[in-house]
């Protein structure tokens, strides 16, 4: 196992732990996006570029955007009451 893959595995574990331990929902979404980026880089290092591109697109961009939109909608609903 190369040093790059080993370090990306450690970073993946740490970023996943950060997602779980973060209590603020907005920061949790940012941590989730970072985790998706680290996983995409790990897939790229493991020579799976199609999976890496999908992970970066979905795990780093689309899913966090949807979570942030849901958090904004919740905040607007609470402000309207």
N, C-alpha and C. Protein backbone atom coordinates (compact mmCIF):
# COMPACT_ATOMS: atom_id res chain seq x y z
N UNK A 1 0.86 -1.18 0.00
CA UNK A 1 0.00 0.00 0.00
C UNK A 1 0.90 1.24 0.00
N UNK A 2 0.59 2.15 -0.89
CA UNK A 2 1.43 3.34 -0.98
C UNK A 2 1.13 4.31 0.16
N UNK A 3 2.05 5.22 0.36
CA UNK A 3 1.88 6.21 1.42
C UNK A 3 0.70 7.13 1.17
N UNK A 4 0.44 7.44 -0.11
CA UNK A 4 -0.68 8.31 -0.45
C UNK A 4 -2.01 7.67 -0.08
N UNK A 5 -2.17 6.40 -0.43
CA UNK A 5 -3.42 5.70 -0.11
C UNK A 5 -3.58 5.57 1.40
N UNK A 6 -2.51 5.28 2.10
CA UNK A 6 -2.58 5.15 3.57
C UNK A 6 -2.97 6.48 4.21
N UNK A 7 -2.37 7.56 3.73
CA UNK A 7 -2.72 8.86 4.31
C UNK A 7 -4.15 9.27 3.97
N UNK A 8 -4.62 8.93 2.77
CA UNK A 8 -6.00 9.24 2.42
C UNK A 8 -6.99 8.39 3.21
N UNK A 9 -6.61 7.16 3.54
CA UNK A 9 -7.47 6.33 4.39
C UNK A 9 -7.58 6.93 5.79
N UNK A 10 -6.46 7.40 6.32
CA UNK A 10 -6.48 8.04 7.65
C UNK A 10 -7.30 9.32 7.60
N UNK A 11 -7.11 10.12 6.54
CA UNK A 11 -7.89 11.35 6.39
C UNK A 11 -9.38 11.05 6.24
N UNK A 12 -9.70 9.96 5.55
CA UNK A 12 -11.09 9.57 5.39
C UNK A 12 -11.72 9.20 6.73
N UNK A 13 -10.98 8.47 7.54
CA UNK A 13 -11.48 8.10 8.86
C UNK A 13 -11.65 9.33 9.74
N UNK A 14 -10.69 10.24 9.69
CA UNK A 14 -10.78 11.45 10.51
C UNK A 14 -11.91 12.36 10.05
N UNK A 15 -12.09 12.50 8.75
CA UNK A 15 -13.18 13.36 8.27
C UNK A 15 -14.54 12.74 8.57
N UNK A 16 -14.64 11.43 8.50
CA UNK A 16 -15.89 10.77 8.89
C UNK A 16 -16.19 10.95 10.36
N UNK A 17 -15.16 10.88 11.17
CA UNK A 17 -15.33 11.11 12.61
C UNK A 17 -15.73 12.55 12.88
N UNK A 18 -15.18 13.47 12.12
CA UNK A 18 -15.55 14.88 12.26
C UNK A 18 -17.01 15.11 11.92
N UNK A 19 -17.51 14.43 10.90
CA UNK A 19 -18.92 14.55 10.55
C UNK A 19 -19.80 14.08 11.70
N UNK A 20 -19.42 12.98 12.31
CA UNK A 20 -20.23 12.40 13.37
C UNK A 20 -20.18 13.24 14.65
N UNK A 21 -19.02 13.79 14.97
CA UNK A 21 -18.86 14.49 16.23
C UNK A 21 -19.27 15.96 16.19
N UNK A 22 -19.46 16.52 15.01
CA UNK A 22 -19.88 17.92 14.90
C UNK A 22 -21.34 18.05 15.28
N UNK A 23 -21.66 19.05 16.10
CA UNK A 23 -23.02 19.19 16.60
C UNK A 23 -23.84 20.23 15.82
N UNK A 24 -23.20 21.25 15.29
CA UNK A 24 -23.90 22.29 14.55
C UNK A 24 -24.24 21.77 13.15
N UNK A 25 -25.51 21.82 12.74
CA UNK A 25 -25.89 21.24 11.44
C UNK A 25 -25.17 21.88 10.25
N UNK A 26 -24.96 23.19 10.28
CA UNK A 26 -24.30 23.83 9.14
C UNK A 26 -22.83 23.38 9.04
N UNK A 27 -22.17 23.31 10.15
CA UNK A 27 -20.78 22.83 10.14
C UNK A 27 -20.72 21.35 9.78
N UNK A 28 -21.74 20.61 10.16
CA UNK A 28 -21.80 19.20 9.81
C UNK A 28 -21.91 19.01 8.30
N UNK A 29 -22.66 19.89 7.65
CA UNK A 29 -22.78 19.82 6.19
C UNK A 29 -21.43 20.11 5.53
N UNK A 30 -20.70 21.12 6.05
CA UNK A 30 -19.38 21.42 5.51
C UNK A 30 -18.41 20.26 5.74
N UNK A 31 -18.50 19.62 6.89
CA UNK A 31 -17.66 18.46 7.16
C UNK A 31 -18.02 17.30 6.23
N UNK A 32 -19.31 17.16 5.93
CA UNK A 32 -19.75 16.12 5.00
C UNK A 32 -19.20 16.37 3.60
N UNK A 33 -19.17 17.64 3.19
CA UNK A 33 -18.60 17.98 1.89
C UNK A 33 -17.10 17.68 1.86
N UNK A 34 -16.42 17.99 2.94
CA UNK A 34 -14.99 17.67 3.03
C UNK A 34 -14.74 16.17 3.00
N UNK A 35 -15.61 15.42 3.65
CA UNK A 35 -15.50 13.98 3.63
C UNK A 35 -15.70 13.44 2.22
N UNK A 36 -16.65 14.00 1.49
CA UNK A 36 -16.86 13.58 0.11
C UNK A 36 -15.66 13.88 -0.77
N UNK A 37 -15.02 15.01 -0.53
CA UNK A 37 -13.82 15.35 -1.30
C UNK A 37 -12.68 14.39 -0.99
N UNK A 38 -12.49 14.07 0.27
CA UNK A 38 -11.41 13.13 0.65
C UNK A 38 -11.69 11.75 0.06
N UNK A 39 -12.95 11.32 0.09
CA UNK A 39 -13.28 10.02 -0.50
C UNK A 39 -13.07 10.02 -2.01
N UNK A 40 -13.41 11.16 -2.66
CA UNK A 40 -13.17 11.26 -4.09
C UNK A 40 -11.69 11.18 -4.42
N UNK A 41 -10.86 11.83 -3.62
CA UNK A 41 -9.41 11.74 -3.83
C UNK A 41 -8.89 10.33 -3.57
N UNK A 42 -9.48 9.66 -2.58
CA UNK A 42 -9.09 8.28 -2.31
C UNK A 42 -9.42 7.38 -3.49
N UNK A 43 -10.61 7.53 -4.05
CA UNK A 43 -10.99 6.73 -5.22
C UNK A 43 -10.09 7.03 -6.41
N UNK A 44 -9.70 8.30 -6.54
CA UNK A 44 -8.79 8.66 -7.63
C UNK A 44 -7.42 8.02 -7.42
N UNK A 45 -6.95 7.98 -6.18
CA UNK A 45 -5.67 7.33 -5.88
C UNK A 45 -5.74 5.83 -6.09
N UNK A 46 -6.93 5.26 -5.93
CA UNK A 46 -7.10 3.82 -6.14
C UNK A 46 -7.41 3.49 -7.60
N UNK A 47 -7.25 4.47 -8.48
CA UNK A 47 -7.42 4.32 -9.92
C UNK A 47 -8.84 3.94 -10.32
N UNK A 48 -9.80 4.62 -9.71
CA UNK A 48 -11.21 4.48 -10.09
C UNK A 48 -11.75 5.87 -10.41
N UNK A 49 -11.37 6.42 -11.57
CA UNK A 49 -11.74 7.81 -11.86
C UNK A 49 -13.24 8.03 -12.03
N UNK A 50 -13.96 7.04 -12.53
CA UNK A 50 -15.40 7.21 -12.68
C UNK A 50 -16.11 7.30 -11.33
N UNK A 51 -15.70 6.47 -10.40
CA UNK A 51 -16.27 6.51 -9.06
C UNK A 51 -15.85 7.80 -8.35
N UNK A 52 -14.61 8.23 -8.58
CA UNK A 52 -14.12 9.46 -7.97
C UNK A 52 -14.92 10.66 -8.46
N UNK A 53 -15.18 10.73 -9.75
CA UNK A 53 -15.94 11.84 -10.29
C UNK A 53 -17.37 11.84 -9.75
N UNK A 54 -17.97 10.68 -9.64
CA UNK A 54 -19.33 10.59 -9.08
C UNK A 54 -19.34 11.01 -7.62
N UNK A 55 -18.35 10.58 -6.85
CA UNK A 55 -18.28 10.93 -5.43
C UNK A 55 -18.06 12.43 -5.25
N UNK A 56 -17.20 13.00 -6.07
CA UNK A 56 -16.95 14.44 -5.95
C UNK A 56 -18.19 15.23 -6.33
N UNK A 57 -18.87 14.80 -7.39
CA UNK A 57 -20.07 15.51 -7.82
C UNK A 57 -21.20 15.39 -6.80
N UNK A 58 -21.44 14.19 -6.35
CA UNK A 58 -22.58 13.97 -5.44
C UNK A 58 -22.21 14.26 -4.00
N UNK A 59 -21.09 13.72 -3.54
CA UNK A 59 -20.73 13.84 -2.13
C UNK A 59 -20.19 15.19 -1.73
N UNK A 60 -19.64 15.93 -2.69
CA UNK A 60 -19.06 17.23 -2.37
C UNK A 60 -19.96 18.38 -2.76
N UNK A 61 -20.77 18.21 -3.80
CA UNK A 61 -21.55 19.34 -4.30
C UNK A 61 -23.06 19.18 -4.09
N UNK A 62 -23.64 18.14 -4.61
CA UNK A 62 -25.10 18.03 -4.67
C UNK A 62 -25.71 17.79 -3.29
N UNK A 63 -25.24 16.79 -2.59
CA UNK A 63 -25.82 16.46 -1.29
C UNK A 63 -25.67 17.58 -0.26
N UNK A 64 -24.48 18.18 -0.11
CA UNK A 64 -24.39 19.30 0.83
C UNK A 64 -25.27 20.48 0.42
N UNK A 65 -25.40 20.73 -0.89
CA UNK A 65 -26.28 21.81 -1.34
C UNK A 65 -27.72 21.55 -0.94
N UNK A 66 -28.17 20.31 -1.10
CA UNK A 66 -29.55 19.98 -0.70
C UNK A 66 -29.74 20.11 0.80
N UNK A 67 -28.76 19.70 1.58
CA UNK A 67 -28.85 19.85 3.03
C UNK A 67 -28.88 21.32 3.44
N UNK A 68 -28.04 22.14 2.80
CA UNK A 68 -28.05 23.57 3.11
C UNK A 68 -29.37 24.21 2.71
N UNK A 69 -29.96 23.79 1.60
CA UNK A 69 -31.26 24.31 1.19
C UNK A 69 -32.34 23.92 2.19
N UNK A 70 -32.27 22.69 2.69
CA UNK A 70 -33.24 22.25 3.69
C UNK A 70 -33.07 23.03 5.00
N UNK A 71 -31.83 23.27 5.40
CA UNK A 71 -31.60 24.06 6.61
C UNK A 71 -32.10 25.49 6.44
N UNK A 72 -31.92 26.06 5.26
CA UNK A 72 -32.42 27.42 5.01
C UNK A 72 -33.95 27.45 5.03
N UNK A 73 -34.57 26.43 4.48
CA UNK A 73 -36.03 26.36 4.49
C UNK A 73 -36.56 26.23 5.92
N UNK A 74 -35.90 25.45 6.73
CA UNK A 74 -36.30 25.31 8.12
C UNK A 74 -36.14 26.62 8.85
N UNK A 75 -35.04 27.33 8.61
CA UNK A 75 -34.82 28.61 9.27
C UNK A 75 -35.86 29.64 8.84
N UNK A 76 -36.23 29.65 7.55
CA UNK A 76 -37.26 30.58 7.08
C UNK A 76 -38.63 30.24 7.67
N UNK A 77 -38.90 28.95 7.81
CA UNK A 77 -40.18 28.54 8.40
C UNK A 77 -40.27 28.94 9.86
N UNK A 78 -39.17 28.79 10.58
CA UNK A 78 -39.16 29.18 12.00
C UNK A 78 -39.26 30.68 12.15
N UNK A 79 -38.67 31.45 11.24
CA UNK A 79 -38.72 32.90 11.31
C UNK A 79 -40.12 33.42 10.98
N UNK A 80 -40.86 32.69 10.18
CA UNK A 80 -42.21 33.10 9.79
C UNK A 80 -43.24 32.87 10.86
N UNK A 81 -42.93 32.11 11.86
CA UNK A 81 -43.91 31.81 12.92
C UNK A 81 -43.96 32.86 13.95
